[in-house]
Amino acid sequence: MKNNKEEFGFWAKYKHFASNEILLYVIMIVGIALGIIIFG
C-alpha cells in the first residue's frame, strides 16, 4: 500500500506535467530508450 501511494504521487506529477496521454506515452518511450542506451 505504501509503495502504491508513492507511485501514485510519481504518476500524478507526470500527469500534471503532461496532461495529454500522447505526451505521457512519448515520455515513457523516451525513458525506455534512455534506459537502453544507459544500460546498453
N, C-alpha and C. Protein backbone atom coordinates (compact mmCIF):
# COMPACT_ATOMS: atom_id res chain seq x y z
N MET A 1 0.83 -1.19 0.00
CA MET A 1 0.00 0.00 0.00
C MET A 1 0.87 1.26 0.00
N LYS A 2 1.94 1.21 0.78
CA LYS A 2 2.81 2.39 0.85
C LYS A 2 3.42 2.69 -0.51
N ASN A 3 3.93 1.65 -1.18
CA ASN A 3 4.51 1.85 -2.50
C ASN A 3 3.47 2.38 -3.48
N ASN A 4 2.23 1.96 -3.31
CA ASN A 4 1.16 2.40 -4.20
C ASN A 4 1.00 3.91 -4.11
N LYS A 5 1.05 4.45 -2.91
CA LYS A 5 0.90 5.90 -2.74
C LYS A 5 2.07 6.63 -3.40
N GLU A 6 3.27 6.10 -3.25
CA GLU A 6 4.45 6.75 -3.85
C GLU A 6 4.34 6.75 -5.36
N GLU A 7 3.91 5.61 -5.93
CA GLU A 7 3.77 5.52 -7.38
C GLU A 7 2.69 6.48 -7.85
N PHE A 8 1.61 6.59 -7.07
CA PHE A 8 0.51 7.50 -7.44
C PHE A 8 1.02 8.94 -7.50
N GLY A 9 1.80 9.33 -6.49
CA GLY A 9 2.34 10.68 -6.47
C GLY A 9 3.30 10.89 -7.64
N PHE A 10 4.07 9.84 -7.95
CA PHE A 10 5.03 9.92 -9.05
C PHE A 10 4.30 10.14 -10.37
N TRP A 11 3.24 9.33 -10.60
CA TRP A 11 2.47 9.45 -11.84
C TRP A 11 1.66 10.73 -11.84
N ALA A 12 1.23 11.19 -10.67
CA ALA A 12 0.44 12.43 -10.58
C ALA A 12 1.28 13.60 -11.09
N LYS A 13 2.57 13.61 -10.76
CA LYS A 13 3.45 14.68 -11.24
C LYS A 13 3.57 14.63 -12.75
N TYR A 14 3.74 13.42 -13.31
CA TYR A 14 3.88 13.29 -14.76
C TYR A 14 2.58 13.67 -15.46
N LYS A 15 1.44 13.25 -14.89
CA LYS A 15 0.15 13.58 -15.49
C LYS A 15 -0.07 15.08 -15.44
N HIS A 16 0.37 15.73 -14.36
CA HIS A 16 0.22 17.18 -14.25
C HIS A 16 1.15 17.88 -15.24
N PHE A 17 2.35 17.32 -15.44
CA PHE A 17 3.32 17.90 -16.37
C PHE A 17 2.88 17.65 -17.80
N ALA A 18 2.41 16.44 -18.09
CA ALA A 18 1.94 16.09 -19.45
C ALA A 18 0.52 15.55 -19.34
N SER A 19 -0.44 16.46 -19.37
CA SER A 19 -1.84 16.05 -19.21
C SER A 19 -2.31 15.22 -20.39
N ASN A 20 -1.68 15.44 -21.57
CA ASN A 20 -2.09 14.68 -22.75
C ASN A 20 -1.54 13.25 -22.69
N GLU A 21 -2.36 12.27 -23.01
CA GLU A 21 -1.91 10.87 -22.99
C GLU A 21 -0.79 10.65 -23.99
N ILE A 22 -0.86 11.35 -25.12
CA ILE A 22 0.18 11.20 -26.15
C ILE A 22 1.53 11.59 -25.57
N LEU A 23 1.59 12.73 -24.90
CA LEU A 23 2.86 13.17 -24.31
C LEU A 23 3.32 12.17 -23.25
N LEU A 24 2.36 11.59 -22.52
CA LEU A 24 2.71 10.62 -21.49
C LEU A 24 3.38 9.40 -22.12
N TYR A 25 2.80 8.92 -23.24
CA TYR A 25 3.40 7.77 -23.94
C TYR A 25 4.78 8.15 -24.48
N VAL A 26 4.91 9.37 -25.00
CA VAL A 26 6.21 9.81 -25.55
C VAL A 26 7.26 9.80 -24.44
N ILE A 27 6.89 10.31 -23.26
CA ILE A 27 7.82 10.34 -22.14
C ILE A 27 8.24 8.92 -21.75
N MET A 28 7.26 7.99 -21.75
CA MET A 28 7.57 6.60 -21.41
C MET A 28 8.53 6.00 -22.42
N ILE A 29 8.28 6.25 -23.72
CA ILE A 29 9.14 5.70 -24.78
C ILE A 29 10.54 6.28 -24.66
N VAL A 30 10.61 7.59 -24.43
CA VAL A 30 11.93 8.24 -24.29
C VAL A 30 12.67 7.66 -23.09
N GLY A 31 11.94 7.44 -21.99
CA GLY A 31 12.56 6.89 -20.77
C GLY A 31 13.12 5.50 -21.04
N ILE A 32 12.35 4.68 -21.76
CA ILE A 32 12.81 3.33 -22.09
C ILE A 32 14.03 3.41 -23.00
N ALA A 33 14.00 4.30 -23.98
CA ALA A 33 15.12 4.45 -24.91
C ALA A 33 16.37 4.87 -24.14
N LEU A 34 16.24 5.83 -23.24
CA LEU A 34 17.40 6.27 -22.45
C LEU A 34 17.91 5.12 -21.58
N GLY A 35 16.99 4.33 -21.05
CA GLY A 35 17.41 3.19 -20.22
C GLY A 35 18.22 2.21 -21.03
N ILE A 36 17.79 1.95 -22.26
CA ILE A 36 18.52 1.02 -23.13
C ILE A 36 19.90 1.58 -23.45
N ILE A 37 19.96 2.88 -23.72
CA ILE A 37 21.25 3.50 -24.06
C ILE A 37 22.18 3.46 -22.84
N ILE A 38 21.66 3.78 -21.66
CA ILE A 38 22.49 3.82 -20.46
C ILE A 38 22.98 2.41 -20.10
N PHE A 39 22.03 1.44 -20.07
CA PHE A 39 22.41 0.07 -19.68
C PHE A 39 23.00 -0.71 -20.85
N GLY A 40 22.91 -0.13 -22.04
CA GLY A 40 23.44 -0.82 -23.23
C GLY A 40 24.91 -0.54 -23.35
